[in-house]
Amino acid sequence: MFEEINLALVIVGLALAFILAIYAVARRYKKVGPNQVMIISGRKYRIKTPDGRAEEVGFRIRRGGGAFILPLVEKVDLLGDDQIRKDEARDATWQPVQCHLFALQVLLRPW
């Protein structure tokens, strides 16, 4: 009788551990919208420069989609479309000047 109870407790414990593991992984997966940029920092990443060299940087960038974030190691910052676009600037006399600035190009190409 005790063997059956022990077996049932082991099965329930394993099922609970499996559910908690799935929950922990799901909480660490971060998604970003199509008009946002997610900057993940905290570890070293290798990127390939346009001239073919491999370079090590301290961040990675995701535009749209999602990524798994390591807890206690990586940090996530989000840039929305409203933070990276500007359609009006001011000159030295504070008069509005029409322009179109787009900082996302600079962020996606660190080299």
Protein backbone atom coordinates (compact mmCIF):
# COMPACT_ATOMS: atom_id res chain seq x y z
CA MET A 1 0.00 0.00 0.00
CA PHE A 2 2.79 2.43 0.87
CA GLU A 3 4.55 1.59 -2.37
CA GLU A 4 1.50 2.70 -4.37
CA ILE A 5 1.27 5.95 -2.40
CA ASN A 6 5.00 6.60 -2.88
CA LEU A 7 4.69 5.95 -6.61
CA ALA A 8 1.73 8.34 -6.84
CA LEU A 9 3.65 11.03 -4.92
CA VAL A 10 6.67 10.63 -7.22
CA ILE A 11 4.47 10.97 -10.32
CA VAL A 12 2.71 14.05 -8.91
CA GLY A 13 6.07 15.56 -7.90
CA LEU A 14 7.56 15.00 -11.36
CA ALA A 15 4.49 16.49 -13.04
CA LEU A 16 4.66 19.53 -10.76
CA ALA A 17 8.40 19.96 -11.43
CA PHE A 18 7.76 19.75 -15.18
CA ILE A 19 5.02 22.39 -15.00
CA LEU A 20 7.25 24.70 -12.92
CA ALA A 21 10.13 24.28 -15.39
CA ILE A 22 7.87 25.19 -18.33
CA TYR A 23 6.58 28.21 -16.39
CA ALA A 24 10.13 29.40 -15.59
CA VAL A 25 11.22 29.16 -19.23
CA ALA A 26 8.08 30.91 -20.44
CA ARG A 27 8.66 33.82 -18.05
CA ARG A 28 12.19 34.38 -19.38
CA TYR A 29 11.11 34.50 -23.05
CA LYS A 30 10.58 38.15 -24.00
CA LYS A 31 8.74 39.25 -27.14
CA VAL A 32 8.99 42.54 -28.97
CA GLY A 33 6.62 44.03 -31.53
CA PRO A 34 7.43 44.61 -35.20
CA ASN A 35 8.04 48.32 -34.67
CA GLN A 36 10.27 47.88 -31.61
CA VAL A 37 13.89 46.99 -30.96
CA MET A 38 15.03 44.86 -28.01
CA ILE A 39 18.62 45.45 -26.87
CA ILE A 40 19.91 42.57 -24.75
CA SER A 41 23.10 43.28 -22.81
CA GLY A 42 25.16 41.54 -20.14
CA ARG A 43 27.10 38.88 -22.07
CA LYS A 44 29.65 38.86 -24.86
CA TYR A 45 28.35 38.07 -28.34
CA ARG A 46 30.17 37.46 -31.60
CA ILE A 47 29.02 39.35 -34.67
CA LYS A 48 30.31 39.28 -38.21
CA THR A 49 31.34 42.66 -39.61
CA PRO A 50 30.70 43.56 -43.27
CA ASP A 51 34.35 42.90 -44.11
CA GLY A 52 34.06 39.32 -42.79
CA ARG A 53 35.83 39.69 -39.44
CA ALA A 54 34.35 38.29 -36.24
CA GLU A 55 34.01 40.92 -33.52
CA GLU A 56 32.96 40.57 -29.90
CA VAL A 57 30.40 43.04 -28.54
CA GLY A 58 28.55 43.31 -25.23
CA PHE A 59 25.02 43.30 -26.62
CA ARG A 60 22.69 41.72 -29.15
CA ILE A 61 19.74 43.27 -30.93
CA ARG A 62 16.38 41.76 -31.82
CA ARG A 63 14.01 43.63 -34.12
CA GLY A 64 10.58 42.05 -33.88
CA GLY A 65 10.15 38.50 -32.61
CA GLY A 66 11.52 37.31 -29.29
CA ALA A 67 14.49 35.96 -27.39
CA PHE A 68 15.24 33.91 -24.29
CA ILE A 69 16.81 36.06 -21.57
CA LEU A 70 19.15 34.44 -19.05
CA PRO A 71 18.10 35.42 -15.52
CA LEU A 72 20.61 37.42 -13.43
CA VAL A 73 22.97 37.67 -16.43
CA GLU A 74 21.23 39.59 -19.19
CA LYS A 75 19.31 42.87 -19.14
CA VAL A 76 16.67 43.96 -21.65
CA ASP A 77 15.99 47.48 -22.90
CA LEU A 78 13.24 48.29 -25.40
CA LEU A 79 13.21 51.06 -27.97
CA GLY A 80 9.87 51.89 -29.49
CA ASP A 81 9.23 53.54 -32.83
CA ASP A 82 8.44 56.82 -31.07
CA GLN A 83 11.89 56.85 -29.44
CA ILE A 84 13.91 56.32 -32.59
CA ARG A 85 12.12 58.55 -35.10
CA LYS A 86 11.94 62.32 -35.13
CA ASP A 87 10.43 64.47 -37.85
CA GLU A 88 11.17 67.93 -36.52
CA ALA A 89 14.29 69.52 -35.05
CA ARG A 90 15.25 73.05 -34.04
CA ASP A 91 18.13 75.13 -35.33
CA ALA A 92 20.33 77.48 -33.29
CA THR A 93 17.57 80.13 -33.16
CA TRP A 94 14.99 77.54 -32.01
CA GLN A 95 13.07 77.73 -35.27
CA PRO A 96 11.47 74.40 -36.32
CA VAL A 97 13.30 72.68 -39.18
CA GLN A 98 11.68 69.80 -41.05
CA CYS A 99 13.91 66.73 -41.14
CA HIS A 100 13.71 62.99 -40.86
CA LEU A 101 16.07 61.35 -38.38
CA PHE A 102 16.13 57.61 -37.97
CA ALA A 103 18.51 56.30 -35.28
CA LEU A 104 17.69 52.63 -35.78
CA GLN A 105 20.27 52.36 -38.56
CA VAL A 106 23.00 53.34 -36.12
CA LEU A 107 21.82 50.87 -33.49
CA LEU A 108 21.64 47.89 -35.81
CA ARG A 109 25.14 48.38 -37.23
CA PRO A 110 27.60 48.89 -34.35
CA TRP A 111 30.71 48.65 -36.57
